[in-house]
Every structure is written in structure tokens, then in C-alpha cells.
Amino acid sequence: MKNIILENRENVCWIEKIKLYKDIFWESPWEEWFQCKNCSSIYSKNFMWQCNCWNSDFESFYKNDELKEEFSNISIKEKYSELIAKILEEEVWFIWWWNTSLDQLNIDKLQLNEEDLAKIKDNILKLFPVFNLDDFYYFSEIWVKNEYRWNDIAWELYRENLDKLKVRWEKYILLRTTKKSDVPYKWFKKEWFIDVFEYNDEQDRVILVCKI
């Protein structure tokens, strides 16, 4: 990986993190930036016309103070890991993981009702009978700037960090993504992640599990 610098950068200032987050999610395949105050629908720069509200008042979907709070919440997670990659002086890639239980993750992130939570537990244990629902790694985010995609940077960085996880923590990873943005979904499927739950919501979100 020529000119790529990997470093654990927990002290990166909030402004840098927020800028990187917004730069990445403004681009395809997410293209999220604005939210209608009236109906709370989220729209990309290319599909503003989809909102049916009259005289809609749009605001930035990614608010700086909310992102800062989210970064802060993640940074206090048990066995938290953050890795940023740089090409020369430009930050291009960001990954977050943390160790948790499925019940706690449901409170923090997944927001499933009791019936759906029981269903996902059953689906996971059918696939992996020795899976410890109280001790696994949640793969929170992986971001790559648009201009640096399609050249295996994400794959190489992901595999490098994965090798560290094999030594340090449980060998099961859970994540949530969306089928609507098929690029990340297909990417994770190639990495042997298996669908264990579908939200069947507007975003077409799905939960995947992988044994490493």
C-alpha cells in the first residue's frame, strides 16, 4: 500500500473526524446530506425532489454536535478500536470496532423489539452454535473516500485490522448495513458475512455476522 500510513489516532480532533465523516457520506453510494424538518426524510444531493412536503425546510442531516457526541460515545466503549489511514497527509479511511454483548448493542445501536432480538439470537446460534452472545465484536463503521475506492485499500486495511482482532478478541463480528446501498452490502458478503436479520424498513437495513 504505497504512501499509506496506518495509525491509531484516538486524539484526532473532532473537526478532522467530522470533516472526514461528512466528506465520505456525502458521496456515493450514500449521498446523504439533507433532512426535511417536516417529514424527517433524508435526501441526497441528487434526489431532493423526492420530498412531497410543500415549502420544505431542509437542514444538514449530519450535525456537527451530534457527530461529536457519537464519536465520544464510541470512544468510551469497552475494548474500543479506532484506526485511521492516511495517504500522505490526507485522511482517507476510518474504522471503528468495539467489544460488547448483543443485549447491550441492541440498546446502543440496533433498537430491535424483544421478538426480533430473540429471532436474531436464534438465527446466529443456528449458524454458530458456540457463539457467545455476551462477547463479540461489533463492526461499527468502515469509510473510504470516494476517490480512493476500487483499488483494494479498504480490503487491505480491513484484513490487517482483522488479524489483530483474531489475537485479541472473540472471533465473531456483527455489523449492520443496508442493501439499498449495495456496494457495502456486496463487499461484506464477499468477506463471508451472513445475513441473520432484515429490518424490512425504508432503508432496507440488514444485520450480518461473520466468523473470522
N, C-alpha and C. Protein backbone atom coordinates (compact mmCIF):
# COMPACT_ATOMS: atom_id res chain seq x y z
N MET A 1 0.86 -1.19 0.00
CA MET A 1 0.00 0.00 0.00
C MET A 1 0.89 1.25 0.00
N LYS A 2 1.29 1.66 -1.14
CA LYS A 2 2.23 2.76 -1.29
C LYS A 2 1.68 4.05 -0.70
N ASN A 3 2.48 4.71 0.12
CA ASN A 3 2.17 6.02 0.69
C ASN A 3 1.00 5.99 1.69
N ILE A 4 0.59 4.79 2.12
CA ILE A 4 -0.49 4.71 3.11
C ILE A 4 0.11 4.55 4.50
N ILE A 5 -0.35 5.37 5.40
CA ILE A 5 0.13 5.32 6.78
C ILE A 5 -1.01 4.86 7.67
N LEU A 6 -0.81 3.77 8.40
CA LEU A 6 -1.82 3.29 9.35
C LEU A 6 -1.44 3.77 10.74
N GLU A 7 -2.39 4.31 11.45
CA GLU A 7 -2.08 4.74 12.80
C GLU A 7 -3.33 4.77 13.65
N ASN A 8 -3.16 4.38 14.92
CA ASN A 8 -4.23 4.55 15.88
C ASN A 8 -4.22 6.00 16.33
N ARG A 9 -5.29 6.73 16.05
CA ARG A 9 -5.28 8.17 16.26
C ARG A 9 -6.46 8.58 17.12
N GLU A 10 -6.49 8.13 18.36
CA GLU A 10 -7.61 8.42 19.25
C GLU A 10 -7.68 9.90 19.61
N ASN A 11 -6.60 10.62 19.40
CA ASN A 11 -6.59 12.04 19.75
C ASN A 11 -6.82 12.95 18.56
N VAL A 12 -7.27 12.38 17.46
CA VAL A 12 -7.60 13.22 16.31
C VAL A 12 -8.72 14.17 16.73
N CYS A 13 -8.57 15.44 16.40
CA CYS A 13 -9.55 16.43 16.84
C CYS A 13 -10.90 16.17 16.18
N TRP A 14 -11.96 16.63 16.86
CA TRP A 14 -13.33 16.39 16.38
C TRP A 14 -13.55 17.00 15.00
N ILE A 15 -12.94 18.12 14.75
CA ILE A 15 -13.15 18.79 13.45
C ILE A 15 -12.67 17.91 12.31
N GLU A 16 -11.51 17.26 12.50
CA GLU A 16 -10.98 16.37 11.46
C GLU A 16 -11.90 15.18 11.23
N LYS A 17 -12.37 14.58 12.33
CA LYS A 17 -13.24 13.41 12.22
C LYS A 17 -14.56 13.77 11.53
N ILE A 18 -15.13 14.88 11.95
CA ILE A 18 -16.41 15.31 11.38
C ILE A 18 -16.26 15.59 9.89
N LYS A 19 -15.18 16.24 9.51
CA LYS A 19 -14.96 16.54 8.10
C LYS A 19 -14.82 15.26 7.29
N LEU A 20 -14.06 14.30 7.80
CA LEU A 20 -13.87 13.04 7.09
C LEU A 20 -15.20 12.31 6.96
N TYR A 21 -15.97 12.27 8.02
CA TYR A 21 -17.27 11.59 8.01
C TYR A 21 -18.19 12.21 6.96
N LYS A 22 -18.29 13.53 6.97
CA LYS A 22 -19.17 14.22 6.03
C LYS A 22 -18.68 14.07 4.60
N ASP A 23 -17.38 14.18 4.40
CA ASP A 23 -16.83 14.03 3.05
C ASP A 23 -17.20 12.68 2.44
N ILE A 24 -17.14 11.63 3.27
CA ILE A 24 -17.38 10.28 2.78
C ILE A 24 -18.86 10.02 2.53
N PHE A 25 -19.70 10.41 3.48
CA PHE A 25 -21.12 10.08 3.35
C PHE A 25 -21.88 11.05 2.45
N TRP A 26 -21.21 12.09 2.01
CA TRP A 26 -21.79 12.98 1.01
C TRP A 26 -21.70 12.34 -0.36
N GLU A 27 -20.74 11.43 -0.54
CA GLU A 27 -20.51 10.80 -1.83
C GLU A 27 -21.32 9.52 -1.99
N SER A 28 -21.34 8.99 -3.20
CA SER A 28 -21.98 7.72 -3.49
C SER A 28 -21.27 6.61 -2.68
N PRO A 29 -21.97 5.56 -2.22
CA PRO A 29 -23.36 5.23 -2.51
C PRO A 29 -24.38 5.82 -1.54
N TRP A 30 -23.91 6.57 -0.52
CA TRP A 30 -24.85 7.06 0.49
C TRP A 30 -25.52 8.36 0.04
N GLU A 31 -24.70 9.34 -0.32
CA GLU A 31 -25.20 10.61 -0.83
C GLU A 31 -26.23 11.25 0.11
N GLU A 32 -25.98 11.13 1.40
CA GLU A 32 -26.89 11.71 2.39
C GLU A 32 -26.35 13.04 2.87
N TRP A 33 -27.21 14.02 2.92
CA TRP A 33 -26.75 15.31 3.43
C TRP A 33 -27.86 16.12 4.06
N PHE A 34 -29.07 16.08 3.48
CA PHE A 34 -30.15 16.92 3.97
C PHE A 34 -31.30 16.09 4.54
N GLN A 35 -32.00 16.70 5.49
CA GLN A 35 -33.18 16.07 6.06
C GLN A 35 -34.31 17.09 6.11
N CYS A 36 -35.49 16.66 5.70
CA CYS A 36 -36.66 17.54 5.73
C CYS A 36 -37.15 17.66 7.17
N LYS A 37 -37.28 18.88 7.65
CA LYS A 37 -37.75 19.09 9.02
C LYS A 37 -39.21 18.68 9.19
N ASN A 38 -39.96 18.69 8.10
CA ASN A 38 -41.39 18.38 8.19
C ASN A 38 -41.66 16.88 8.27
N CYS A 39 -41.01 16.11 7.39
CA CYS A 39 -41.30 14.66 7.35
C CYS A 39 -40.11 13.80 7.79
N SER A 40 -38.97 14.43 8.08
CA SER A 40 -37.75 13.75 8.54
C SER A 40 -37.13 12.84 7.49
N SER A 41 -37.58 12.93 6.25
CA SER A 41 -36.98 12.13 5.19
C SER A 41 -35.58 12.64 4.89
N ILE A 42 -34.69 11.70 4.56
CA ILE A 42 -33.30 12.03 4.26
C ILE A 42 -33.10 11.98 2.76
N TYR A 43 -32.45 13.00 2.22
CA TYR A 43 -32.29 13.09 0.77
C TYR A 43 -30.84 13.35 0.39
N SER A 44 -30.47 12.78 -0.73
CA SER A 44 -29.14 13.01 -1.26
C SER A 44 -29.13 14.28 -2.08
N LYS A 45 -27.93 14.68 -2.49
CA LYS A 45 -27.80 15.87 -3.31
C LYS A 45 -28.47 15.69 -4.67
N ASN A 46 -28.65 14.42 -5.08
CA ASN A 46 -29.22 14.14 -6.40
C ASN A 46 -30.73 13.91 -6.40
N PHE A 47 -31.32 13.77 -5.20
CA PHE A 47 -32.73 13.38 -5.17
C PHE A 47 -33.56 14.24 -4.23
N MET A 48 -33.28 15.52 -4.20
CA MET A 48 -34.03 16.44 -3.35
C MET A 48 -35.50 16.49 -3.73
N TRP A 49 -35.81 16.25 -4.99
CA TRP A 49 -37.17 16.37 -5.48
C TRP A 49 -38.11 15.31 -4.91
N GLN A 50 -37.59 14.29 -4.26
CA GLN A 50 -38.43 13.20 -3.77
C GLN A 50 -39.36 13.63 -2.63
N CYS A 51 -39.01 14.67 -1.93
CA CYS A 51 -39.83 15.09 -0.80
C CYS A 51 -41.15 15.69 -1.30
N ASN A 52 -42.25 15.28 -0.71
CA ASN A 52 -43.57 15.75 -1.12
C ASN A 52 -44.10 16.90 -0.27
N CYS A 53 -43.30 17.31 0.71
CA CYS A 53 -43.75 18.41 1.58
C CYS A 53 -43.69 19.74 0.83
N TRP A 54 -44.67 20.59 1.05
CA TRP A 54 -44.67 21.92 0.45
C TRP A 54 -43.78 22.84 1.27
N ASN A 55 -42.94 23.60 0.58
CA ASN A 55 -42.06 24.58 1.25
C ASN A 55 -41.23 23.91 2.34
N SER A 56 -40.65 22.78 2.00
CA SER A 56 -39.85 22.05 2.98
C SER A 56 -38.65 22.87 3.45
N ASP A 57 -38.36 22.70 4.72
CA ASP A 57 -37.21 23.36 5.32
C ASP A 57 -36.16 22.28 5.56
N PHE A 58 -35.10 22.28 4.74
CA PHE A 58 -34.08 21.25 4.86
C PHE A 58 -32.95 21.70 5.77
N GLU A 59 -32.40 20.74 6.49
CA GLU A 59 -31.24 21.01 7.33
C GLU A 59 -30.22 19.90 7.14
N SER A 60 -28.99 20.16 7.51
CA SER A 60 -27.93 19.17 7.36
C SER A 60 -28.26 17.94 8.20
N PHE A 61 -28.22 16.77 7.56
CA PHE A 61 -28.52 15.53 8.27
C PHE A 61 -27.43 15.22 9.30
N TYR A 62 -26.18 15.46 8.93
CA TYR A 62 -25.07 15.19 9.83
C TYR A 62 -24.70 16.47 10.58
N LYS A 63 -25.25 16.65 11.74
CA LYS A 63 -25.00 17.85 12.52
C LYS A 63 -23.71 17.67 13.33
N ASN A 64 -22.89 18.70 13.36
CA ASN A 64 -21.58 18.59 14.00
C ASN A 64 -21.67 18.18 15.46
N ASP A 65 -22.60 18.77 16.20
CA ASP A 65 -22.68 18.45 17.62
C ASP A 65 -23.13 17.01 17.85
N GLU A 66 -24.02 16.50 16.98
CA GLU A 66 -24.48 15.12 17.10
C GLU A 66 -23.36 14.13 16.75
N LEU A 67 -22.59 14.46 15.71
CA LEU A 67 -21.46 13.60 15.35
C LEU A 67 -20.41 13.59 16.45
N LYS A 68 -20.16 14.73 17.04
CA LYS A 68 -19.18 14.79 18.13
C LYS A 68 -19.63 13.92 19.30
N GLU A 69 -20.92 13.96 19.62
CA GLU A 69 -21.45 13.13 20.70
C GLU A 69 -21.33 11.65 20.37
N GLU A 70 -21.61 11.32 19.09
CA GLU A 70 -21.49 9.93 18.65
C GLU A 70 -20.05 9.45 18.76
N PHE A 71 -19.10 10.26 18.33
CA PHE A 71 -17.68 9.89 18.43
C PHE A 71 -17.29 9.68 19.90
N SER A 72 -17.78 10.56 20.76
CA SER A 72 -17.47 10.47 22.18
C SER A 72 -18.03 9.18 22.79
N ASN A 73 -19.26 8.83 22.42
CA ASN A 73 -19.90 7.62 22.93
C ASN A 73 -19.14 6.37 22.50
N ILE A 74 -18.68 6.37 21.25
CA ILE A 74 -17.94 5.21 20.75
C ILE A 74 -16.58 5.09 21.44
N SER A 75 -15.97 6.22 21.70
CA SER A 75 -14.61 6.20 22.26
C SER A 75 -14.55 5.65 23.69
N ILE A 76 -15.69 5.55 24.38
CA ILE A 76 -15.68 5.01 25.74
C ILE A 76 -16.13 3.56 25.79
N LYS A 77 -16.39 2.96 24.62
CA LYS A 77 -16.80 1.57 24.59
C LYS A 77 -15.67 0.67 25.08
N GLU A 78 -16.05 -0.45 25.68
CA GLU A 78 -15.07 -1.41 26.14
C GLU A 78 -14.33 -2.02 24.95
N LYS A 79 -13.01 -2.11 25.09
CA LYS A 79 -12.18 -2.67 24.02
C LYS A 79 -12.44 -1.98 22.69
N TYR A 80 -12.50 -0.69 22.78
CA TYR A 80 -12.77 0.14 21.61
C TYR A 80 -11.53 0.25 20.73
N SER A 81 -11.73 0.23 19.43
CA SER A 81 -10.61 0.35 18.49
C SER A 81 -10.96 1.33 17.39
N GLU A 82 -10.07 2.24 17.14
CA GLU A 82 -10.25 3.21 16.07
C GLU A 82 -8.98 3.24 15.23
N LEU A 83 -9.15 3.19 13.94
CA LEU A 83 -7.99 3.19 13.05
C LEU A 83 -8.26 4.13 11.90
N ILE A 84 -7.33 5.01 11.65
CA ILE A 84 -7.45 5.94 10.52
C ILE A 84 -6.27 5.70 9.59
N ALA A 85 -6.55 5.68 8.30
CA ALA A 85 -5.48 5.54 7.31
C ALA A 85 -5.27 6.86 6.61
N LYS A 86 -4.03 7.13 6.31
CA LYS A 86 -3.70 8.36 5.60
C LYS A 86 -2.90 8.02 4.34
N ILE A 87 -3.16 8.75 3.28
CA ILE A 87 -2.29 8.72 2.11
C ILE A 87 -1.60 10.08 2.09
N LEU A 88 -0.31 10.03 2.32
CA LEU A 88 0.47 11.25 2.55
C LEU A 88 -0.17 11.99 3.72
N GLU A 89 -0.70 13.19 3.52
CA GLU A 89 -1.27 13.95 4.63
C GLU A 89 -2.80 13.93 4.64
N GLU A 90 -3.38 13.19 3.71
CA GLU A 90 -4.84 13.20 3.61
C GLU A 90 -5.45 11.96 4.26
N GLU A 91 -6.40 12.18 5.16
CA GLU A 91 -7.12 11.06 5.77
C GLU A 91 -8.13 10.53 4.77
N VAL A 92 -8.10 9.21 4.55
CA VAL A 92 -8.96 8.64 3.51
C VAL A 92 -9.82 7.48 4.01
N TRP A 93 -9.57 7.00 5.20
CA TRP A 93 -10.22 5.78 5.64
C TRP A 93 -10.36 5.78 7.15
N PHE A 94 -11.45 5.21 7.62
CA PHE A 94 -11.75 5.27 9.05
C PHE A 94 -12.47 3.99 9.43
N ILE A 95 -12.10 3.37 10.55
CA ILE A 95 -12.79 2.17 11.01
C ILE A 95 -13.00 2.23 12.51
N TRP A 96 -14.16 1.73 12.96
CA TRP A 96 -14.48 1.64 14.39
C TRP A 96 -14.96 0.22 14.71
N TRP A 97 -14.49 -0.31 15.82
CA TRP A 97 -14.98 -1.58 16.34
C TRP A 97 -15.11 -1.45 17.85
N TRP A 98 -15.97 -2.28 18.44
CA TRP A 98 -15.91 -2.40 19.90
C TRP A 98 -16.50 -3.73 20.34
N ASN A 99 -16.05 -4.17 21.52
CA ASN A 99 -16.48 -5.42 22.11
C ASN A 99 -17.71 -5.16 22.97
N THR A 100 -18.73 -6.05 22.85
CA THR A 100 -19.96 -5.82 23.59
C THR A 100 -20.79 -7.09 23.63
N SER A 101 -21.93 -7.02 24.30
CA SER A 101 -22.91 -8.11 24.26
C SER A 101 -24.02 -7.73 23.29
N LEU A 102 -24.75 -8.72 22.81
CA LEU A 102 -25.82 -8.43 21.87
C LEU A 102 -26.94 -7.62 22.54
N ASP A 103 -27.22 -7.92 23.80
CA ASP A 103 -28.25 -7.18 24.52
C ASP A 103 -27.88 -5.71 24.66
N GLN A 104 -26.62 -5.43 25.01
CA GLN A 104 -26.18 -4.05 25.16
C GLN A 104 -26.14 -3.35 23.81
N LEU A 105 -25.71 -4.07 22.79
CA LEU A 105 -25.67 -3.49 21.46
C LEU A 105 -27.07 -3.12 20.98
N ASN A 106 -28.04 -3.93 21.35
CA ASN A 106 -29.41 -3.63 20.96
C ASN A 106 -29.88 -2.31 21.58
N ILE A 107 -29.47 -2.06 22.81
CA ILE A 107 -29.80 -0.80 23.49
C ILE A 107 -29.07 0.36 22.82
N ASP A 108 -27.80 0.15 22.52
CA ASP A 108 -26.96 1.23 21.98
C ASP A 108 -27.23 1.53 20.51
N LYS A 109 -27.54 0.48 19.74
CA LYS A 109 -27.47 0.66 18.29
C LYS A 109 -28.62 0.02 17.50
N LEU A 110 -28.93 -1.23 17.76
CA LEU A 110 -29.80 -1.99 16.87
C LEU A 110 -31.27 -1.65 17.02
N GLN A 111 -31.70 -1.39 18.25
CA GLN A 111 -33.08 -0.96 18.52
C GLN A 111 -34.12 -1.96 18.02
N LEU A 112 -33.92 -3.22 18.34
CA LEU A 112 -34.87 -4.27 17.99
C LEU A 112 -35.86 -4.48 19.13
N ASN A 113 -37.09 -4.87 18.81
CA ASN A 113 -38.02 -5.23 19.88
C ASN A 113 -37.65 -6.62 20.41
N GLU A 114 -38.29 -7.05 21.48
CA GLU A 114 -37.92 -8.31 22.13
C GLU A 114 -38.08 -9.51 21.20
N GLU A 115 -39.14 -9.51 20.40
CA GLU A 115 -39.38 -10.61 19.48
C GLU A 115 -38.29 -10.69 18.41
N ASP A 116 -37.92 -9.54 17.83
CA ASP A 116 -36.88 -9.54 16.80
C ASP A 116 -35.51 -9.85 17.39
N LEU A 117 -35.27 -9.39 18.62
CA LEU A 117 -33.99 -9.69 19.27
C LEU A 117 -33.86 -11.19 19.51
N ALA A 118 -34.94 -11.83 19.92
CA ALA A 118 -34.93 -13.29 20.12
C ALA A 118 -34.70 -14.00 18.79
N LYS A 119 -35.28 -13.46 17.72
CA LYS A 119 -35.15 -14.06 16.40
C LYS A 119 -33.70 -14.01 15.92
N ILE A 120 -33.05 -12.86 16.11
CA ILE A 120 -31.67 -12.75 15.64
C ILE A 120 -30.74 -13.64 16.47
N LYS A 121 -31.01 -13.77 17.76
CA LYS A 121 -30.20 -14.66 18.60
C LYS A 121 -30.34 -16.10 18.11
N ASP A 122 -31.56 -16.49 17.81
CA ASP A 122 -31.81 -17.85 17.33
C ASP A 122 -31.12 -18.08 15.99
N ASN A 123 -31.18 -17.11 15.10
CA ASN A 123 -30.54 -17.25 13.79
C ASN A 123 -29.03 -17.36 13.91
N ILE A 124 -28.45 -16.57 14.81
CA ILE A 124 -26.99 -16.61 15.00
C ILE A 124 -26.56 -17.96 15.56
N LEU A 125 -27.29 -18.45 16.56
CA LEU A 125 -26.89 -19.70 17.20
C LEU A 125 -27.12 -20.91 16.30
N LYS A 126 -28.02 -20.80 15.35
CA LYS A 126 -28.19 -21.87 14.36
C LYS A 126 -26.97 -21.95 13.45
N LEU A 127 -26.42 -20.79 13.12
CA LEU A 127 -25.24 -20.74 12.26
C LEU A 127 -23.97 -21.10 13.02
N PHE A 128 -23.87 -20.56 14.24
CA PHE A 128 -22.66 -20.73 15.05
C PHE A 128 -23.06 -21.18 16.46
N PRO A 129 -23.19 -22.48 16.69
CA PRO A 129 -23.67 -23.00 17.98
C PRO A 129 -22.82 -22.59 19.18
N VAL A 130 -21.54 -22.28 18.95
CA VAL A 130 -20.67 -21.90 20.07
C VAL A 130 -20.55 -20.39 20.21
N PHE A 131 -21.35 -19.65 19.47
CA PHE A 131 -21.30 -18.19 19.50
C PHE A 131 -21.66 -17.69 20.90
N ASN A 132 -20.83 -16.83 21.46
CA ASN A 132 -21.07 -16.24 22.77
C ASN A 132 -21.77 -14.90 22.58
N LEU A 133 -23.05 -14.84 22.87
CA LEU A 133 -23.83 -13.62 22.64
C LEU A 133 -23.44 -12.49 23.59
N ASP A 134 -22.65 -12.81 24.61
CA ASP A 134 -22.22 -11.78 25.57
C ASP A 134 -20.83 -11.24 25.28
N ASP A 135 -20.18 -11.76 24.24
CA ASP A 135 -18.80 -11.35 23.99
C ASP A 135 -18.45 -11.52 22.52
N PHE A 136 -18.68 -10.48 21.75
CA PHE A 136 -18.30 -10.50 20.34
C PHE A 136 -17.90 -9.08 19.94
N TYR A 137 -17.47 -8.93 18.71
CA TYR A 137 -17.02 -7.62 18.26
C TYR A 137 -18.02 -7.02 17.30
N TYR A 138 -18.42 -5.78 17.57
CA TYR A 138 -19.34 -5.08 16.68
C TYR A 138 -18.54 -4.18 15.74
N PHE A 139 -18.77 -4.39 14.47
CA PHE A 139 -18.09 -3.62 13.43
C PHE A 139 -18.96 -2.41 13.14
N SER A 140 -18.60 -1.27 13.69
CA SER A 140 -19.47 -0.10 13.62
C SER A 140 -19.39 0.62 12.29
N GLU A 141 -18.21 0.98 11.85
CA GLU A 141 -18.08 1.80 10.65
C GLU A 141 -16.83 1.43 9.87
N ILE A 142 -16.92 1.50 8.57
CA ILE A 142 -15.74 1.49 7.71
C ILE A 142 -16.02 2.47 6.58
N TRP A 143 -15.18 3.46 6.45
CA TRP A 143 -15.41 4.52 5.46
C TRP A 143 -14.17 4.66 4.58
N VAL A 144 -14.39 4.85 3.31
CA VAL A 144 -13.29 5.16 2.40
C VAL A 144 -13.75 6.29 1.49
N LYS A 145 -12.92 7.30 1.35
CA LYS A 145 -13.25 8.40 0.45
C LYS A 145 -13.43 7.89 -0.98
N ASN A 146 -14.35 8.51 -1.67
CA ASN A 146 -14.75 8.04 -2.98
C ASN A 146 -13.58 7.90 -3.95
N GLU A 147 -12.69 8.87 -3.97
CA GLU A 147 -11.60 8.84 -4.95
C GLU A 147 -10.55 7.77 -4.66
N TYR A 148 -10.64 7.12 -3.48
CA TYR A 148 -9.67 6.08 -3.14
C TYR A 148 -10.29 4.68 -3.13
N ARG A 149 -11.52 4.56 -3.60
CA ARG A 149 -12.16 3.25 -3.66
C ARG A 149 -11.74 2.50 -4.93
N TRP A 150 -12.10 1.21 -4.94
CA TRP A 150 -11.87 0.35 -6.10
C TRP A 150 -10.40 0.06 -6.37
N ASN A 151 -9.55 0.24 -5.37
CA ASN A 151 -8.15 -0.15 -5.55
C ASN A 151 -7.66 -0.98 -4.38
N ASP A 152 -8.59 -1.64 -3.69
CA ASP A 152 -8.30 -2.61 -2.62
C ASP A 152 -7.77 -2.00 -1.34
N ILE A 153 -7.83 -0.68 -1.19
CA ILE A 153 -7.37 -0.07 0.06
C ILE A 153 -8.20 -0.56 1.23
N ALA A 154 -9.53 -0.50 1.09
CA ALA A 154 -10.40 -0.91 2.19
C ALA A 154 -10.16 -2.37 2.55
N TRP A 155 -10.04 -3.22 1.54
CA TRP A 155 -9.84 -4.64 1.79
C TRP A 155 -8.53 -4.88 2.54
N GLU A 156 -7.46 -4.25 2.12
CA GLU A 156 -6.16 -4.46 2.75
C GLU A 156 -6.16 -3.96 4.19
N LEU A 157 -6.75 -2.80 4.41
CA LEU A 157 -6.79 -2.25 5.77
C LEU A 157 -7.69 -3.08 6.66
N TYR A 158 -8.81 -3.52 6.13
CA TYR A 158 -9.73 -4.35 6.88
C TYR A 158 -9.06 -5.66 7.30
N ARG A 159 -8.39 -6.31 6.36
CA ARG A 159 -7.74 -7.58 6.67
C ARG A 159 -6.62 -7.40 7.69
N GLU A 160 -5.90 -6.30 7.58
CA GLU A 160 -4.81 -6.05 8.53
C GLU A 160 -5.37 -5.88 9.94
N ASN A 161 -6.44 -5.12 10.07
CA ASN A 161 -7.03 -4.93 11.39
C ASN A 161 -7.69 -6.21 11.89
N LEU A 162 -8.21 -7.01 10.98
CA LEU A 162 -8.85 -8.27 11.34
C LEU A 162 -7.85 -9.22 11.97
N ASP A 163 -6.64 -9.25 11.45
CA ASP A 163 -5.61 -10.12 12.00
C ASP A 163 -5.32 -9.78 13.46
N LYS A 164 -5.39 -8.50 13.80
CA LYS A 164 -5.18 -8.08 15.19
C LYS A 164 -6.33 -8.55 16.07
N LEU A 165 -7.55 -8.50 15.53
CA LEU A 165 -8.71 -8.92 16.30
C LEU A 165 -8.67 -10.41 16.62
N LYS A 166 -8.16 -11.20 15.71
CA LYS A 166 -8.09 -12.64 15.91
C LYS A 166 -7.27 -12.98 17.14
N VAL A 167 -6.26 -12.19 17.40
CA VAL A 167 -5.38 -12.43 18.53
C VAL A 167 -5.97 -11.87 19.82
N ARG A 168 -6.66 -10.73 19.72
CA ARG A 168 -7.06 -10.00 20.92
C ARG A 168 -8.46 -10.32 21.43
N TRP A 169 -9.39 -10.69 20.53
CA TRP A 169 -10.78 -10.81 20.95
C TRP A 169 -11.47 -12.02 20.33
N GLU A 170 -12.75 -12.14 20.65
CA GLU A 170 -13.56 -13.22 20.09
C GLU A 170 -13.51 -13.21 18.56
N LYS A 171 -13.73 -14.36 17.97
CA LYS A 171 -13.58 -14.49 16.52
C LYS A 171 -14.91 -14.40 15.78
N TYR A 172 -15.82 -13.60 16.31
CA TYR A 172 -17.09 -13.35 15.65
C TYR A 172 -17.33 -11.84 15.56
N ILE A 173 -17.82 -11.41 14.41
CA ILE A 173 -18.07 -10.00 14.19
C ILE A 173 -19.51 -9.83 13.72
N LEU A 174 -20.19 -8.82 14.24
CA LEU A 174 -21.54 -8.49 13.82
C LEU A 174 -21.56 -7.06 13.31
N LEU A 175 -22.37 -6.80 12.28
CA LEU A 175 -22.47 -5.45 11.76
C LEU A 175 -23.86 -5.22 11.19
N ARG A 176 -24.19 -3.94 10.99
CA ARG A 176 -25.45 -3.57 10.34
C ARG A 176 -25.13 -2.68 9.14
N THR A 177 -25.77 -3.00 8.03
CA THR A 177 -25.59 -2.18 6.83
C THR A 177 -26.94 -2.12 6.10
N THR A 178 -26.92 -1.66 4.87
CA THR A 178 -28.15 -1.56 4.11
C THR A 178 -27.98 -2.17 2.73
N LYS A 179 -29.01 -2.86 2.28
CA LYS A 179 -29.00 -3.41 0.93
C LYS A 179 -29.24 -2.33 -0.12
N LYS A 180 -29.82 -1.23 0.32
CA LYS A 180 -30.14 -0.16 -0.61
C LYS A 180 -28.86 0.41 -1.22
N SER A 181 -27.84 0.59 -0.39
CA SER A 181 -26.51 0.96 -0.91
C SER A 181 -25.75 -0.34 -1.11
N ASP A 182 -25.90 -0.94 -2.28
CA ASP A 182 -25.44 -2.31 -2.47
C ASP A 182 -23.93 -2.47 -2.45
N VAL A 183 -23.18 -1.40 -2.58
CA VAL A 183 -21.72 -1.52 -2.58
C VAL A 183 -21.20 -2.08 -1.26
N PRO A 184 -21.51 -1.48 -0.11
CA PRO A 184 -21.02 -2.06 1.15
C PRO A 184 -21.61 -3.44 1.43
N TYR A 185 -22.87 -3.64 1.09
CA TYR A 185 -23.50 -4.93 1.34
C TYR A 185 -22.79 -6.05 0.57
N LYS A 186 -22.54 -5.82 -0.71
CA LYS A 186 -21.85 -6.82 -1.53
C LYS A 186 -20.42 -7.03 -1.03
N TRP A 187 -19.81 -5.96 -0.57
CA TRP A 187 -18.43 -6.04 -0.08
C TRP A 187 -18.37 -6.97 1.13
N PHE A 188 -19.29 -6.79 2.07
CA PHE A 188 -19.29 -7.63 3.27
C PHE A 188 -19.66 -9.08 2.95
N LYS A 189 -20.53 -9.28 1.98
CA LYS A 189 -20.88 -10.64 1.60
C LYS A 189 -19.67 -11.38 1.04
N LYS A 190 -18.82 -10.65 0.33
CA LYS A 190 -17.59 -11.26 -0.18
C LYS A 190 -16.63 -11.63 0.95
N GLU A 191 -16.77 -10.93 2.08
CA GLU A 191 -15.93 -11.22 3.24
C GLU A 191 -16.57 -12.26 4.16
N TRP A 192 -17.51 -13.03 3.62
CA TRP A 192 -18.12 -14.17 4.31
C TRP A 192 -19.10 -13.79 5.41
N PHE A 193 -19.60 -12.57 5.38
CA PHE A 193 -20.66 -12.20 6.32
C PHE A 193 -21.98 -12.82 5.86
N ILE A 194 -22.80 -13.27 6.82
CA ILE A 194 -24.06 -13.94 6.53
C ILE A 194 -25.23 -13.14 7.12
N ASP A 195 -26.29 -12.99 6.36
CA ASP A 195 -27.48 -12.29 6.83
C ASP A 195 -28.12 -13.07 7.97
N VAL A 196 -28.43 -12.38 9.07
CA VAL A 196 -29.13 -13.02 10.18
C VAL A 196 -30.42 -12.28 10.56
N PHE A 197 -30.61 -11.09 9.99
CA PHE A 197 -31.84 -10.36 10.28
C PHE A 197 -32.04 -9.24 9.26
N GLU A 198 -33.30 -9.05 8.85
CA GLU A 198 -33.66 -7.94 7.98
C GLU A 198 -34.70 -7.07 8.68
N TYR A 199 -34.48 -5.76 8.68
CA TYR A 199 -35.41 -4.84 9.31
C TYR A 199 -36.69 -4.66 8.49
N ASN A 200 -36.57 -4.87 7.19
CA ASN A 200 -37.70 -4.62 6.28
C ASN A 200 -38.23 -3.19 6.43
N ASP A 201 -37.31 -2.26 6.53
CA ASP A 201 -37.68 -0.86 6.69
C ASP A 201 -37.36 -0.08 5.41
N GLU A 202 -37.56 1.22 5.48
CA GLU A 202 -37.36 2.08 4.32
C GLU A 202 -35.92 2.06 3.82
N GLN A 203 -34.98 1.90 4.76
CA GLN A 203 -33.57 1.90 4.41
C GLN A 203 -33.08 0.52 3.97
N ASP A 204 -33.94 -0.49 4.11
CA ASP A 204 -33.58 -1.87 3.74
C ASP A 204 -32.36 -2.34 4.52
N ARG A 205 -32.36 -2.07 5.83
CA ARG A 205 -31.22 -2.43 6.67
C ARG A 205 -31.19 -3.93 6.98
N VAL A 206 -29.99 -4.42 7.17
CA VAL A 206 -29.78 -5.84 7.43
C VAL A 206 -28.64 -6.00 8.43
N ILE A 207 -28.72 -7.06 9.25
CA ILE A 207 -27.66 -7.38 10.20
C ILE A 207 -26.94 -8.62 9.72
N LEU A 208 -25.60 -8.55 9.73
CA LEU A 208 -24.75 -9.64 9.23
C LEU A 208 -23.81 -10.11 10.33
N VAL A 209 -23.42 -11.37 10.25
CA VAL A 209 -22.46 -11.94 11.20
C VAL A 209 -21.40 -12.70 10.43
N CYS A 210 -20.18 -12.68 10.95
CA CYS A 210 -19.07 -13.38 10.31
C CYS A 210 -18.19 -14.02 11.38
N LYS A 211 -17.71 -15.22 11.09
CA LYS A 211 -16.70 -15.86 11.93
C LYS A 211 -15.35 -15.67 11.26
N ILE A 212 -14.38 -15.17 12.02
CA ILE A 212 -13.07 -14.89 11.42
C ILE A 212 -12.02 -15.91 11.89
